[in-house]
Amino acid sequence: MTVRAATTADLPVLQDIERAAGEPFRLFGMPEVADDEPPSLETLERFTKAGHAWVAEDATGGPVAYLIGEPVDGAFHIEQVSVHPDAAHRGVGRTLIAYAADRAREQGLPALTLTTFAEVPWNAPYYERLGFRVLAGPELTPGLRRIRAAESEHGLDRWPRVCMHRATEPAGQRTAP
């Protein structure tokens, strides 16, 4: 598996990956999440042009996962990471997150942030295994508060959600200053 920058030609495939990755939410009693439309081509293009969209390719060179994000309040905020179910449980998401952490570190961003469902096994519990921690209310930056407000307006607060944070270098791998 390789990770590379997303291209404009990839964007319709990324939408397909998002739709497929949403299907497990249906089985978890969250059909509204499964039915939610993927990011628009315009939105994906914005992340691509900014250099903040990456794809993981399988051995055939086809994208099987993607990650998009952007700097928010001095951290790299992961807006979306989606893995096609056919590529799940193979470390693809972990690899994309590590790649994003490396890019963030290169840009001088010391941390990753994201928002996610608290009780979905492949959401907050998964990210905790990758070194993320849940942020308490007072720790939320203005940008994270805006993101959460937009998610709430979109109806995502029907299920518990959390903001999470991780240093770009996981604990135990940090170098001395």
N, C-alpha and C. Protein backbone atom coordinates (compact mmCIF):
# COMPACT_ATOMS: atom_id res chain seq x y z
N MET A 1 0.85 -1.17 0.00
CA MET A 1 0.00 0.00 0.00
C MET A 1 0.90 1.24 0.00
N THR A 2 0.48 2.22 -0.80
CA THR A 2 1.20 3.48 -0.83
C THR A 2 0.22 4.61 -0.54
N VAL A 3 0.77 5.70 -0.04
CA VAL A 3 -0.01 6.92 0.20
C VAL A 3 0.56 7.99 -0.70
N ARG A 4 -0.34 8.74 -1.31
CA ARG A 4 0.08 9.84 -2.19
C ARG A 4 -0.94 10.95 -2.11
N ALA A 5 -0.57 12.09 -2.66
CA ALA A 5 -1.50 13.21 -2.72
C ALA A 5 -2.66 12.86 -3.64
N ALA A 6 -3.84 13.27 -3.25
CA ALA A 6 -5.02 13.06 -4.10
C ALA A 6 -4.93 13.98 -5.31
N THR A 7 -5.53 13.53 -6.40
CA THR A 7 -5.60 14.33 -7.62
C THR A 7 -7.07 14.58 -7.94
N THR A 8 -7.29 15.53 -8.82
CA THR A 8 -8.66 15.83 -9.24
C THR A 8 -9.33 14.58 -9.83
N ALA A 9 -8.57 13.77 -10.55
CA ALA A 9 -9.12 12.55 -11.15
C ALA A 9 -9.60 11.55 -10.09
N ASP A 10 -9.04 11.60 -8.87
CA ASP A 10 -9.42 10.69 -7.80
C ASP A 10 -10.76 11.04 -7.16
N LEU A 11 -11.18 12.27 -7.26
CA LEU A 11 -12.27 12.77 -6.42
C LEU A 11 -13.58 11.98 -6.53
N PRO A 12 -14.04 11.60 -7.73
CA PRO A 12 -15.26 10.77 -7.76
C PRO A 12 -15.08 9.42 -7.05
N VAL A 13 -13.88 8.87 -7.12
CA VAL A 13 -13.60 7.60 -6.43
C VAL A 13 -13.66 7.81 -4.92
N LEU A 14 -13.18 8.97 -4.46
CA LEU A 14 -13.22 9.26 -3.03
C LEU A 14 -14.66 9.33 -2.54
N GLN A 15 -15.53 9.89 -3.36
CA GLN A 15 -16.96 9.91 -3.00
C GLN A 15 -17.51 8.49 -2.90
N ASP A 16 -17.11 7.62 -3.82
CA ASP A 16 -17.54 6.21 -3.77
C ASP A 16 -17.03 5.52 -2.51
N ILE A 17 -15.77 5.80 -2.14
CA ILE A 17 -15.20 5.23 -0.92
C ILE A 17 -16.01 5.69 0.29
N GLU A 18 -16.35 6.97 0.31
CA GLU A 18 -17.12 7.52 1.42
C GLU A 18 -18.48 6.84 1.55
N ARG A 19 -19.15 6.65 0.43
CA ARG A 19 -20.47 5.99 0.47
C ARG A 19 -20.33 4.56 1.00
N ALA A 20 -19.34 3.83 0.50
CA ALA A 20 -19.14 2.45 0.96
C ALA A 20 -18.75 2.42 2.44
N ALA A 21 -17.89 3.35 2.86
CA ALA A 21 -17.46 3.39 4.26
C ALA A 21 -18.61 3.75 5.19
N GLY A 22 -19.63 4.40 4.68
CA GLY A 22 -20.78 4.76 5.50
C GLY A 22 -21.73 3.61 5.78
N GLU A 23 -21.71 2.61 4.95
CA GLU A 23 -22.67 1.50 5.10
C GLU A 23 -22.65 0.82 6.46
N PRO A 24 -21.49 0.58 7.08
CA PRO A 24 -21.51 -0.06 8.40
C PRO A 24 -22.30 0.73 9.45
N PHE A 25 -22.45 2.03 9.27
CA PHE A 25 -23.25 2.81 10.22
C PHE A 25 -24.70 2.35 10.20
N ARG A 26 -25.17 1.90 9.06
CA ARG A 26 -26.54 1.40 8.95
C ARG A 26 -26.74 0.21 9.89
N LEU A 27 -25.78 -0.69 9.92
CA LEU A 27 -25.85 -1.87 10.78
C LEU A 27 -25.73 -1.51 12.26
N PHE A 28 -25.17 -0.34 12.54
CA PHE A 28 -24.99 0.13 13.91
C PHE A 28 -26.17 0.98 14.36
N GLY A 29 -27.24 1.00 13.57
CA GLY A 29 -28.44 1.76 13.93
C GLY A 29 -28.35 3.24 13.63
N MET A 30 -27.51 3.61 12.67
CA MET A 30 -27.31 5.00 12.32
C MET A 30 -27.52 5.19 10.81
N PRO A 31 -28.71 4.85 10.30
CA PRO A 31 -28.91 4.93 8.84
C PRO A 31 -28.77 6.35 8.29
N GLU A 32 -29.04 7.36 9.11
CA GLU A 32 -28.89 8.74 8.64
C GLU A 32 -27.43 9.04 8.30
N VAL A 33 -26.51 8.49 9.05
CA VAL A 33 -25.09 8.68 8.76
C VAL A 33 -24.73 7.93 7.48
N ALA A 34 -25.24 6.72 7.35
CA ALA A 34 -24.97 5.93 6.14
C ALA A 34 -25.51 6.63 4.89
N ASP A 35 -26.65 7.31 5.03
CA ASP A 35 -27.28 7.96 3.89
C ASP A 35 -26.72 9.36 3.60
N ASP A 36 -25.89 9.88 4.50
CA ASP A 36 -25.35 11.23 4.31
C ASP A 36 -24.48 11.27 3.05
N GLU A 37 -24.64 12.31 2.30
CA GLU A 37 -23.85 12.46 1.08
C GLU A 37 -22.38 12.70 1.40
N PRO A 38 -21.48 12.20 0.57
CA PRO A 38 -20.05 12.45 0.79
C PRO A 38 -19.74 13.92 0.50
N PRO A 39 -18.55 14.37 0.86
CA PRO A 39 -18.17 15.74 0.52
C PRO A 39 -18.32 15.96 -0.99
N SER A 40 -18.73 17.15 -1.35
CA SER A 40 -18.90 17.49 -2.76
C SER A 40 -17.55 17.47 -3.48
N LEU A 41 -17.62 17.36 -4.80
CA LEU A 41 -16.38 17.43 -5.59
C LEU A 41 -15.67 18.75 -5.36
N GLU A 42 -16.43 19.84 -5.20
CA GLU A 42 -15.83 21.15 -4.96
C GLU A 42 -15.09 21.18 -3.62
N THR A 43 -15.71 20.58 -2.60
CA THR A 43 -15.06 20.52 -1.29
C THR A 43 -13.79 19.68 -1.36
N LEU A 44 -13.88 18.52 -1.98
CA LEU A 44 -12.70 17.66 -2.11
C LEU A 44 -11.61 18.36 -2.92
N GLU A 45 -12.00 19.08 -3.94
CA GLU A 45 -11.02 19.82 -4.76
C GLU A 45 -10.31 20.89 -3.93
N ARG A 46 -11.05 21.55 -3.05
CA ARG A 46 -10.44 22.58 -2.18
C ARG A 46 -9.34 21.96 -1.32
N PHE A 47 -9.62 20.80 -0.71
CA PHE A 47 -8.60 20.13 0.11
C PHE A 47 -7.43 19.67 -0.77
N THR A 48 -7.74 19.18 -1.96
CA THR A 48 -6.69 18.72 -2.87
C THR A 48 -5.77 19.86 -3.27
N LYS A 49 -6.35 20.99 -3.68
CA LYS A 49 -5.55 22.15 -4.08
C LYS A 49 -4.71 22.69 -2.93
N ALA A 50 -5.21 22.57 -1.72
CA ALA A 50 -4.46 23.05 -0.55
C ALA A 50 -3.34 22.08 -0.15
N GLY A 51 -3.30 20.90 -0.78
CA GLY A 51 -2.30 19.90 -0.42
C GLY A 51 -2.64 19.15 0.85
N HIS A 52 -3.94 19.08 1.16
CA HIS A 52 -4.39 18.42 2.39
C HIS A 52 -5.36 17.29 2.11
N ALA A 53 -5.12 16.57 1.02
CA ALA A 53 -5.94 15.40 0.67
C ALA A 53 -4.99 14.30 0.20
N TRP A 54 -5.10 13.14 0.84
CA TRP A 54 -4.22 12.02 0.51
C TRP A 54 -5.04 10.76 0.32
N VAL A 55 -4.54 9.89 -0.55
CA VAL A 55 -5.20 8.61 -0.78
C VAL A 55 -4.23 7.48 -0.47
N ALA A 56 -4.79 6.37 -0.03
CA ALA A 56 -4.03 5.13 0.11
C ALA A 56 -4.44 4.26 -1.07
N GLU A 57 -3.43 3.73 -1.75
CA GLU A 57 -3.68 2.88 -2.92
C GLU A 57 -3.38 1.44 -2.58
N ASP A 58 -4.13 0.53 -3.21
CA ASP A 58 -3.83 -0.89 -3.06
C ASP A 58 -2.77 -1.27 -4.09
N ALA A 59 -2.48 -2.56 -4.19
CA ALA A 59 -1.42 -3.04 -5.08
C ALA A 59 -1.71 -2.74 -6.55
N THR A 60 -2.97 -2.56 -6.90
CA THR A 60 -3.31 -2.26 -8.30
C THR A 60 -3.21 -0.77 -8.61
N GLY A 61 -2.95 0.05 -7.59
CA GLY A 61 -2.84 1.49 -7.81
C GLY A 61 -4.15 2.23 -7.66
N GLY A 62 -5.21 1.52 -7.26
CA GLY A 62 -6.50 2.17 -7.08
C GLY A 62 -6.68 2.66 -5.66
N PRO A 63 -7.25 3.87 -5.47
CA PRO A 63 -7.49 4.36 -4.12
C PRO A 63 -8.48 3.46 -3.36
N VAL A 64 -8.15 3.17 -2.10
CA VAL A 64 -9.02 2.38 -1.24
C VAL A 64 -9.40 3.15 0.02
N ALA A 65 -8.78 4.31 0.21
CA ALA A 65 -9.05 5.13 1.39
C ALA A 65 -8.55 6.53 1.12
N TYR A 66 -9.06 7.47 1.93
CA TYR A 66 -8.57 8.83 1.81
C TYR A 66 -8.67 9.56 3.14
N LEU A 67 -7.92 10.65 3.24
CA LEU A 67 -7.94 11.52 4.40
C LEU A 67 -7.87 12.95 3.90
N ILE A 68 -8.75 13.80 4.45
CA ILE A 68 -8.69 15.23 4.16
C ILE A 68 -8.68 15.98 5.48
N GLY A 69 -8.07 17.14 5.48
CA GLY A 69 -8.02 17.95 6.68
C GLY A 69 -7.45 19.32 6.37
N GLU A 70 -7.28 20.10 7.42
CA GLU A 70 -6.73 21.45 7.27
C GLU A 70 -6.28 21.96 8.63
N PRO A 71 -5.38 22.94 8.62
CA PRO A 71 -4.98 23.53 9.89
C PRO A 71 -6.15 24.26 10.56
N VAL A 72 -6.32 24.01 11.84
CA VAL A 72 -7.33 24.69 12.66
C VAL A 72 -6.68 25.00 14.00
N ASP A 73 -6.57 26.26 14.29
CA ASP A 73 -6.05 26.72 15.59
C ASP A 73 -4.70 26.08 15.95
N GLY A 74 -3.79 26.01 15.00
CA GLY A 74 -2.45 25.53 15.27
C GLY A 74 -2.26 24.03 15.28
N ALA A 75 -3.29 23.28 14.90
CA ALA A 75 -3.19 21.82 14.78
C ALA A 75 -3.72 21.42 13.40
N PHE A 76 -3.38 20.23 12.97
CA PHE A 76 -3.96 19.73 11.72
C PHE A 76 -5.23 18.98 12.07
N HIS A 77 -6.37 19.51 11.60
CA HIS A 77 -7.66 18.91 11.91
C HIS A 77 -8.05 17.93 10.81
N ILE A 78 -8.22 16.68 11.17
CA ILE A 78 -8.66 15.65 10.24
C ILE A 78 -10.16 15.81 10.06
N GLU A 79 -10.53 16.27 8.90
CA GLU A 79 -11.95 16.47 8.58
C GLU A 79 -12.63 15.13 8.30
N GLN A 80 -11.95 14.27 7.58
CA GLN A 80 -12.54 12.98 7.22
C GLN A 80 -11.42 11.99 6.92
N VAL A 81 -11.58 10.79 7.42
CA VAL A 81 -10.75 9.67 7.00
C VAL A 81 -11.71 8.52 6.75
N SER A 82 -11.66 7.98 5.54
CA SER A 82 -12.58 6.92 5.16
C SER A 82 -11.82 5.80 4.46
N VAL A 83 -12.14 4.58 4.86
CA VAL A 83 -11.53 3.39 4.29
C VAL A 83 -12.64 2.54 3.68
N HIS A 84 -12.46 2.12 2.45
CA HIS A 84 -13.45 1.23 1.83
C HIS A 84 -13.52 -0.06 2.65
N PRO A 85 -14.72 -0.57 2.92
CA PRO A 85 -14.83 -1.79 3.73
C PRO A 85 -14.01 -2.97 3.20
N ASP A 86 -13.78 -3.04 1.89
CA ASP A 86 -12.97 -4.13 1.34
C ASP A 86 -11.51 -4.04 1.78
N ALA A 87 -11.08 -2.84 2.24
CA ALA A 87 -9.69 -2.65 2.67
C ALA A 87 -9.59 -2.48 4.18
N ALA A 88 -10.70 -2.65 4.89
CA ALA A 88 -10.71 -2.44 6.34
C ALA A 88 -9.90 -3.50 7.07
N HIS A 89 -9.47 -3.15 8.26
CA HIS A 89 -8.74 -4.05 9.17
C HIS A 89 -7.38 -4.47 8.61
N ARG A 90 -6.78 -3.58 7.84
CA ARG A 90 -5.45 -3.86 7.27
C ARG A 90 -4.45 -2.75 7.60
N GLY A 91 -4.82 -1.84 8.51
CA GLY A 91 -3.92 -0.75 8.89
C GLY A 91 -3.93 0.43 7.95
N VAL A 92 -4.89 0.49 7.05
CA VAL A 92 -4.93 1.57 6.06
C VAL A 92 -5.21 2.91 6.74
N GLY A 93 -6.20 2.95 7.62
CA GLY A 93 -6.51 4.19 8.33
C GLY A 93 -5.34 4.64 9.18
N ARG A 94 -4.74 3.72 9.87
CA ARG A 94 -3.56 4.02 10.71
C ARG A 94 -2.44 4.61 9.86
N THR A 95 -2.23 4.05 8.68
CA THR A 95 -1.18 4.54 7.79
C THR A 95 -1.49 5.95 7.31
N LEU A 96 -2.73 6.21 6.93
CA LEU A 96 -3.11 7.55 6.50
C LEU A 96 -2.95 8.58 7.62
N ILE A 97 -3.33 8.22 8.83
CA ILE A 97 -3.20 9.13 9.95
C ILE A 97 -1.72 9.40 10.25
N ALA A 98 -0.88 8.38 10.18
CA ALA A 98 0.55 8.58 10.38
C ALA A 98 1.12 9.49 9.30
N TYR A 99 0.65 9.32 8.07
CA TYR A 99 1.10 10.17 6.96
C TYR A 99 0.69 11.63 7.22
N ALA A 100 -0.56 11.82 7.64
CA ALA A 100 -1.04 13.18 7.94
C ALA A 100 -0.23 13.79 9.08
N ALA A 101 0.10 12.98 10.09
CA ALA A 101 0.91 13.48 11.21
C ALA A 101 2.28 13.92 10.72
N ASP A 102 2.89 13.15 9.83
CA ASP A 102 4.19 13.53 9.27
C ASP A 102 4.10 14.85 8.51
N ARG A 103 3.06 14.99 7.67
CA ARG A 103 2.89 16.24 6.91
C ARG A 103 2.64 17.41 7.85
N ALA A 104 1.83 17.20 8.89
CA ALA A 104 1.55 18.26 9.86
C ALA A 104 2.84 18.68 10.57
N ARG A 105 3.62 17.71 10.99
CA ARG A 105 4.88 18.00 11.67
C ARG A 105 5.80 18.81 10.76
N GLU A 106 5.86 18.44 9.46
CA GLU A 106 6.67 19.18 8.50
C GLU A 106 6.22 20.64 8.38
N GLN A 107 4.92 20.88 8.60
CA GLN A 107 4.37 22.24 8.51
C GLN A 107 4.44 22.96 9.87
N GLY A 108 5.07 22.34 10.85
CA GLY A 108 5.20 22.96 12.16
C GLY A 108 3.97 22.85 13.04
N LEU A 109 3.06 21.95 12.68
CA LEU A 109 1.84 21.75 13.47
C LEU A 109 2.10 20.61 14.46
N PRO A 110 2.02 20.88 15.76
CA PRO A 110 2.41 19.89 16.76
C PRO A 110 1.36 18.83 17.09
N ALA A 111 0.15 18.97 16.53
CA ALA A 111 -0.90 18.05 16.93
C ALA A 111 -1.89 17.80 15.81
N LEU A 112 -2.62 16.69 15.96
CA LEU A 112 -3.77 16.36 15.12
C LEU A 112 -5.01 16.50 15.97
N THR A 113 -6.10 16.94 15.37
CA THR A 113 -7.40 16.94 16.04
C THR A 113 -8.41 16.31 15.10
N LEU A 114 -9.52 15.89 15.68
CA LEU A 114 -10.64 15.37 14.89
C LEU A 114 -11.87 15.36 15.76
N THR A 115 -13.01 15.23 15.13
CA THR A 115 -14.27 15.02 15.84
C THR A 115 -14.82 13.69 15.36
N THR A 116 -15.51 12.99 16.25
CA THR A 116 -15.96 11.66 15.89
C THR A 116 -17.07 11.20 16.84
N PHE A 117 -17.68 10.09 16.48
CA PHE A 117 -18.70 9.50 17.34
C PHE A 117 -18.04 8.79 18.51
N ALA A 118 -18.53 9.07 19.71
CA ALA A 118 -17.92 8.54 20.93
C ALA A 118 -18.11 7.05 21.10
N GLU A 119 -19.24 6.51 20.64
CA GLU A 119 -19.58 5.13 20.97
C GLU A 119 -19.53 4.16 19.80
N VAL A 120 -19.08 4.61 18.65
CA VAL A 120 -18.96 3.74 17.48
C VAL A 120 -17.57 3.09 17.55
N PRO A 121 -17.50 1.77 17.55
CA PRO A 121 -16.22 1.08 17.76
C PRO A 121 -15.10 1.52 16.82
N TRP A 122 -15.43 1.82 15.57
CA TRP A 122 -14.38 2.21 14.62
C TRP A 122 -14.18 3.72 14.59
N ASN A 123 -14.71 4.42 15.58
CA ASN A 123 -14.52 5.86 15.72
C ASN A 123 -13.69 6.12 16.98
N ALA A 124 -14.23 6.77 18.00
CA ALA A 124 -13.43 7.18 19.16
C ALA A 124 -12.60 6.05 19.77
N PRO A 125 -13.15 4.85 20.00
CA PRO A 125 -12.30 3.79 20.57
C PRO A 125 -11.10 3.45 19.67
N TYR A 126 -11.30 3.48 18.37
CA TYR A 126 -10.20 3.22 17.43
C TYR A 126 -9.14 4.32 17.55
N TYR A 127 -9.59 5.58 17.54
CA TYR A 127 -8.63 6.68 17.61
C TYR A 127 -7.88 6.68 18.94
N GLU A 128 -8.53 6.27 20.00
CA GLU A 128 -7.83 6.15 21.29
C GLU A 128 -6.69 5.15 21.18
N ARG A 129 -6.90 4.07 20.46
CA ARG A 129 -5.83 3.08 20.26
C ARG A 129 -4.67 3.65 19.46
N LEU A 130 -4.96 4.71 18.68
CA LEU A 130 -3.91 5.36 17.89
C LEU A 130 -3.25 6.52 18.64
N GLY A 131 -3.59 6.69 19.91
CA GLY A 131 -2.94 7.72 20.72
C GLY A 131 -3.72 9.01 20.89
N PHE A 132 -4.93 9.09 20.35
CA PHE A 132 -5.74 10.29 20.53
C PHE A 132 -6.39 10.24 21.92
N ARG A 133 -6.69 11.42 22.44
CA ARG A 133 -7.43 11.51 23.70
C ARG A 133 -8.59 12.47 23.51
N VAL A 134 -9.65 12.23 24.27
CA VAL A 134 -10.83 13.08 24.21
C VAL A 134 -10.51 14.40 24.91
N LEU A 135 -10.89 15.49 24.26
CA LEU A 135 -10.71 16.82 24.84
C LEU A 135 -11.92 17.17 25.70
N ALA A 136 -11.65 17.72 26.87
CA ALA A 136 -12.72 18.21 27.73
C ALA A 136 -13.18 19.57 27.19
N GLY A 137 -14.40 19.96 27.52
CA GLY A 137 -14.98 21.21 27.02
C GLY A 137 -14.05 22.41 27.07
N PRO A 138 -13.41 22.69 28.22
CA PRO A 138 -12.54 23.87 28.29
C PRO A 138 -11.32 23.80 27.37
N GLU A 139 -10.96 22.60 26.92
CA GLU A 139 -9.80 22.44 26.04
C GLU A 139 -10.11 22.75 24.58
N LEU A 140 -11.39 22.86 24.25
CA LEU A 140 -11.77 23.09 22.85
C LEU A 140 -11.36 24.48 22.42
N THR A 141 -10.69 24.55 21.29
CA THR A 141 -10.28 25.83 20.72
C THR A 141 -11.49 26.47 20.02
N PRO A 142 -11.40 27.74 19.71
CA PRO A 142 -12.52 28.37 18.97
C PRO A 142 -12.85 27.65 17.66
N GLY A 143 -11.84 27.22 16.93
CA GLY A 143 -12.09 26.51 15.68
C GLY A 143 -12.81 25.19 15.89
N LEU A 144 -12.42 24.45 16.92
CA LEU A 144 -13.10 23.18 17.21
C LEU A 144 -14.53 23.44 17.66
N ARG A 145 -14.76 24.51 18.38
CA ARG A 145 -16.13 24.85 18.78
C ARG A 145 -16.99 25.16 17.54
N ARG A 146 -16.40 25.85 16.57
CA ARG A 146 -17.14 26.14 15.33
C ARG A 146 -17.45 24.85 14.56
N ILE A 147 -16.49 23.96 14.50
CA ILE A 147 -16.70 22.68 13.82
C ILE A 147 -17.81 21.90 14.49
N ARG A 148 -17.77 21.83 15.82
CA ARG A 148 -18.81 21.09 16.55
C ARG A 148 -20.18 21.74 16.35
N ALA A 149 -20.23 23.07 16.31
CA ALA A 149 -21.51 23.75 16.08
C ALA A 149 -22.07 23.40 14.70
N ALA A 150 -21.20 23.35 13.69
CA ALA A 150 -21.65 22.99 12.34
C ALA A 150 -22.13 21.54 12.31
N GLU A 151 -21.44 20.66 13.01
CA GLU A 151 -21.87 19.26 13.07
C GLU A 151 -23.23 19.15 13.75
N SER A 152 -23.42 19.91 14.80
CA SER A 152 -24.69 19.90 15.51
C SER A 152 -25.81 20.38 14.58
N GLU A 153 -25.57 21.45 13.83
CA GLU A 153 -26.56 21.95 12.88
C GLU A 153 -26.89 20.91 11.81
N HIS A 154 -25.91 20.07 11.49
CA HIS A 154 -26.08 19.01 10.49
C HIS A 154 -26.82 17.80 11.06
N GLY A 155 -27.08 17.80 12.37
CA GLY A 155 -27.84 16.72 12.99
C GLY A 155 -27.00 15.60 13.57
N LEU A 156 -25.70 15.77 13.62
CA LEU A 156 -24.85 14.68 14.10
C LEU A 156 -24.91 14.49 15.61
N ASP A 157 -25.46 15.45 16.34
CA ASP A 157 -25.52 15.31 17.79
C ASP A 157 -26.62 14.37 18.28
N ARG A 158 -27.30 13.70 17.37
CA ARG A 158 -28.26 12.67 17.80
C ARG A 158 -27.53 11.53 18.49
N TRP A 159 -26.24 11.43 18.21
CA TRP A 159 -25.38 10.42 18.81
C TRP A 159 -24.23 11.14 19.49
N PRO A 160 -23.74 10.63 20.61
CA PRO A 160 -22.64 11.32 21.31
C PRO A 160 -21.41 11.50 20.43
N ARG A 161 -20.89 12.73 20.44
CA ARG A 161 -19.69 13.05 19.66
C ARG A 161 -18.64 13.67 20.58
N VAL A 162 -17.39 13.52 20.18
CA VAL A 162 -16.27 14.07 20.95
C VAL A 162 -15.26 14.71 20.01
N CYS A 163 -14.48 15.62 20.58
CA CYS A 163 -13.30 16.16 19.91
C CYS A 163 -12.11 15.41 20.50
N MET A 164 -11.15 15.09 19.63
CA MET A 164 -9.98 14.34 20.08
C MET A 164 -8.71 15.03 19.61
N HIS A 165 -7.61 14.72 20.31
CA HIS A 165 -6.32 15.38 20.08
C HIS A 165 -5.20 14.36 20.23
N ARG A 166 -4.16 14.53 19.41
CA ARG A 166 -2.96 13.69 19.53
C ARG A 166 -1.77 14.49 19.04
N ALA A 167 -0.68 14.39 19.73
CA ALA A 167 0.55 15.02 19.25
C ALA A 167 0.92 14.39 17.91
N THR A 168 1.59 15.16 17.07
CA THR A 168 1.98 14.60 15.76
C THR A 168 3.01 13.49 15.93
N GLU A 169 3.68 13.48 17.05
CA GLU A 169 4.56 12.37 17.37
C GLU A 169 3.93 11.65 18.56
N PRO A 170 3.44 10.40 18.35
CA PRO A 170 2.79 9.69 19.45
C PRO A 170 3.66 9.61 20.69
N ALA A 171 3.03 9.56 21.85
CA ALA A 171 3.75 9.43 23.12
C ALA A 171 4.75 8.30 23.03
N GLY A 172 5.91 8.54 23.60
CA GLY A 172 6.96 7.52 23.56
C GLY A 172 7.86 7.64 22.34
N GLN A 173 7.43 8.43 21.34
CA GLN A 173 8.25 8.62 20.15
C GLN A 173 8.73 10.05 20.02
N ARG A 174 8.41 10.87 21.00
CA ARG A 174 8.80 12.28 20.93
C ARG A 174 10.32 12.40 21.13
N THR A 175 10.89 13.31 20.39
CA THR A 175 12.32 13.56 20.55
C THR A 175 12.49 14.69 21.56
N ALA A 176 13.61 14.68 22.23
CA ALA A 176 13.88 15.71 23.23
C ALA A 176 14.06 17.06 22.55
N PRO A 177 13.59 18.14 23.21
CA PRO A 177 13.76 19.48 22.60
C PRO A 177 15.19 19.92 22.58
